[in-house]
């Protein structure tokens, strides 16, 4: 660190602690077992707080609950991908927003787009463009070979 940053750390009553990869991974696993899926930087903060004792508070940010993969012949799909296939199966082509609506908002619209794009790359869903009013929109349909 530089002289200025050293001075700022001391002036704030803080200190710098080095955390290795092993401690970071161990903390990520420990937090995941408790249902908290965090990024490495949060796991590092948790590791430091664990080392320093119970008198410290750490703000941990994460990515929310991770979707686990559902075992199928398809190489494992997330629960969201399975739900999207269920919505698309037997329906007319739907926009990502319509899929999101039919799932009751259980995932973010960004998550729906990500899952749909993954299903397209895997060859389970196809994407086309249709004109709705004066707009051209992407619509998704399930392919018959997904089962």
Protein backbone atom coordinates (compact mmCIF):
# COMPACT_ATOMS: atom_id res chain seq x y z
CA UNK A 1 0.00 0.00 0.00
CA UNK A 2 1.02 3.60 -0.40
CA UNK A 3 1.84 5.98 2.45
CA UNK A 4 -1.49 7.77 2.03
CA UNK A 5 -3.53 4.57 2.06
CA UNK A 6 -1.57 3.32 5.10
CA UNK A 7 -2.38 6.56 6.88
CA UNK A 8 -6.09 6.37 5.91
CA UNK A 9 -6.37 2.79 7.16
CA UNK A 10 -4.75 3.71 10.51
CA UNK A 11 -6.79 6.93 10.83
CA UNK A 12 -10.00 4.96 10.34
CA UNK A 13 -9.00 2.48 13.02
CA UNK A 14 -8.96 -0.28 10.45
CA UNK A 15 -6.39 -2.86 9.50
CA UNK A 16 -5.59 -4.92 6.45
CA UNK A 17 -5.77 -8.70 6.73
CA UNK A 18 -4.54 -11.10 4.07
CA UNK A 19 -6.92 -13.94 3.16
CA UNK A 20 -5.75 -16.82 1.01
CA UNK A 21 -7.64 -18.84 -1.55
CA UNK A 22 -8.16 -21.79 0.79
CA UNK A 23 -9.78 -19.64 3.48
CA UNK A 24 -11.96 -17.96 0.87
CA UNK A 25 -13.16 -21.26 -0.57
CA UNK A 26 -13.72 -22.72 2.89
CA UNK A 27 -15.85 -19.68 3.80
CA UNK A 28 -17.85 -19.93 0.57
CA UNK A 29 -18.62 -23.57 1.33
CA UNK A 30 -19.54 -22.84 4.94
CA UNK A 31 -21.88 -20.02 3.92
CA UNK A 32 -23.40 -22.14 1.12
CA UNK A 33 -24.19 -24.88 3.62
CA UNK A 34 -26.16 -22.24 5.49
CA UNK A 35 -28.04 -21.28 2.34
CA UNK A 36 -26.06 -18.13 1.49
CA UNK A 37 -24.42 -18.16 -1.93
CA UNK A 38 -21.84 -15.39 -1.96
CA UNK A 39 -19.16 -14.07 -4.22
CA UNK A 40 -15.50 -14.57 -3.24
CA UNK A 41 -15.05 -11.02 -1.94
CA UNK A 42 -17.89 -11.54 0.56
CA UNK A 43 -16.45 -14.90 1.57
CA UNK A 44 -13.12 -13.16 2.21
CA UNK A 45 -14.81 -10.64 4.52
CA UNK A 46 -16.54 -13.49 6.36
CA UNK A 47 -13.22 -15.35 6.69
CA UNK A 48 -11.58 -12.27 8.22
CA UNK A 49 -14.44 -11.74 10.65
CA UNK A 50 -14.24 -15.41 11.65
CA UNK A 51 -10.50 -15.03 12.30
CA UNK A 52 -10.91 -11.84 14.33
CA UNK A 53 -13.65 -13.12 16.63
CA UNK A 54 -17.25 -12.39 17.54
CA UNK A 55 -16.89 -8.63 18.04
CA UNK A 56 -17.03 -7.89 14.31
CA UNK A 57 -19.85 -7.41 11.86
CA UNK A 58 -19.46 -8.15 8.16
CA UNK A 59 -21.78 -7.13 5.36
CA UNK A 60 -22.13 -10.07 3.00
CA UNK A 61 -23.67 -9.72 -0.42
CA UNK A 62 -24.55 -12.63 -2.60
CA UNK A 63 -26.22 -13.78 -5.72
CA UNK A 64 -29.31 -15.19 -4.06
CA UNK A 65 -30.41 -18.77 -4.10
CA UNK A 66 -28.66 -20.74 -6.78
CA UNK A 67 -30.68 -22.95 -9.04
CA UNK A 68 -29.56 -26.52 -8.75
CA UNK A 69 -29.47 -28.74 -11.77
CA UNK A 70 -32.20 -31.29 -12.30
CA UNK A 71 -30.85 -34.63 -13.50
CA UNK A 72 -32.21 -35.57 -16.91
CA UNK A 73 -30.94 -36.99 -20.11
CA UNK A 74 -30.42 -33.41 -21.24
CA UNK A 75 -27.30 -33.04 -19.11
CA UNK A 76 -29.08 -31.29 -16.27
CA UNK A 77 -31.35 -28.29 -16.52
CA UNK A 78 -31.99 -25.70 -13.85
CA UNK A 79 -35.39 -25.64 -12.20
CA UNK A 80 -36.08 -22.39 -14.03
CA UNK A 81 -35.23 -23.95 -17.39
CA UNK A 82 -37.52 -26.90 -16.59
CA UNK A 83 -40.32 -24.48 -15.67
CA UNK A 84 -39.82 -22.50 -18.89
CA UNK A 85 -40.00 -25.68 -20.98
CA UNK A 86 -43.23 -26.55 -19.17
CA UNK A 87 -44.70 -23.13 -20.00
CA UNK A 88 -43.66 -23.29 -23.65
CA UNK A 89 -44.80 -26.87 -24.16
CA UNK A 90 -48.14 -26.95 -25.95
CA UNK A 91 -48.48 -23.17 -26.19
CA UNK A 92 -48.17 -20.73 -29.05
CA UNK A 93 -44.81 -18.97 -29.39
CA UNK A 94 -44.33 -16.67 -26.39
CA UNK A 95 -42.22 -13.61 -25.69
CA UNK A 96 -39.85 -13.71 -22.73
CA UNK A 97 -42.19 -11.33 -20.92
CA UNK A 98 -45.15 -13.67 -21.48
CA UNK A 99 -43.08 -16.58 -20.12
CA UNK A 100 -42.20 -14.44 -17.09
CA UNK A 101 -45.89 -13.60 -16.55
CA UNK A 102 -46.97 -17.25 -16.77
CA UNK A 103 -44.33 -18.19 -14.21
CA UNK A 104 -45.85 -15.65 -11.85
CA UNK A 105 -42.77 -13.49 -11.53
CA UNK A 106 -40.86 -16.21 -9.64
CA UNK A 107 -37.67 -15.17 -11.46
CA UNK A 108 -36.41 -11.88 -12.79
CA UNK A 109 -37.04 -11.02 -16.41
CA UNK A 110 -33.26 -11.00 -16.86
CA UNK A 111 -33.14 -14.55 -15.48
CA UNK A 112 -35.86 -15.60 -17.92
CA UNK A 113 -33.88 -14.19 -20.86
CA UNK A 114 -30.71 -15.90 -19.67
CA UNK A 115 -32.46 -19.27 -19.26
CA UNK A 116 -34.21 -18.94 -22.63
CA UNK A 117 -30.94 -18.10 -24.41
CA UNK A 118 -29.31 -21.11 -22.77
CA UNK A 119 -32.17 -23.34 -23.95
CA UNK A 120 -31.79 -21.93 -27.48
CA UNK A 121 -28.04 -22.69 -27.46
CA UNK A 122 -28.80 -26.24 -26.33
CA UNK A 123 -31.21 -26.71 -29.22
CA UNK A 124 -34.27 -27.22 -27.01
CA UNK A 125 -36.00 -23.95 -27.82
CA UNK A 126 -36.11 -21.94 -31.02
CA UNK A 127 -36.35 -18.19 -31.38
CA UNK A 128 -38.21 -16.36 -34.14
CA UNK A 129 -39.39 -12.83 -34.75
CA UNK A 130 -43.04 -11.84 -35.05
CA UNK A 131 -44.71 -8.49 -35.56
CA UNK A 132 -46.94 -7.36 -32.68
CA UNK A 133 -48.69 -4.17 -33.73
CA UNK A 134 -45.90 -2.03 -35.11
CA UNK A 135 -43.12 -3.79 -33.19
CA UNK A 136 -40.94 -6.73 -34.12
CA UNK A 137 -40.47 -9.00 -31.07
CA UNK A 138 -38.60 -12.20 -30.31
CA UNK A 139 -40.78 -15.20 -29.57
CA UNK A 140 -39.73 -18.57 -28.24
CA UNK A 141 -41.16 -22.04 -28.87
CA UNK A 142 -40.11 -25.40 -27.54
CA UNK A 143 -38.79 -27.94 -30.00
CA UNK A 144 -40.29 -31.41 -30.01
CA UNK A 145 -36.90 -33.07 -29.38
CA UNK A 146 -36.43 -31.78 -25.84
CA UNK A 147 -37.77 -34.86 -24.04
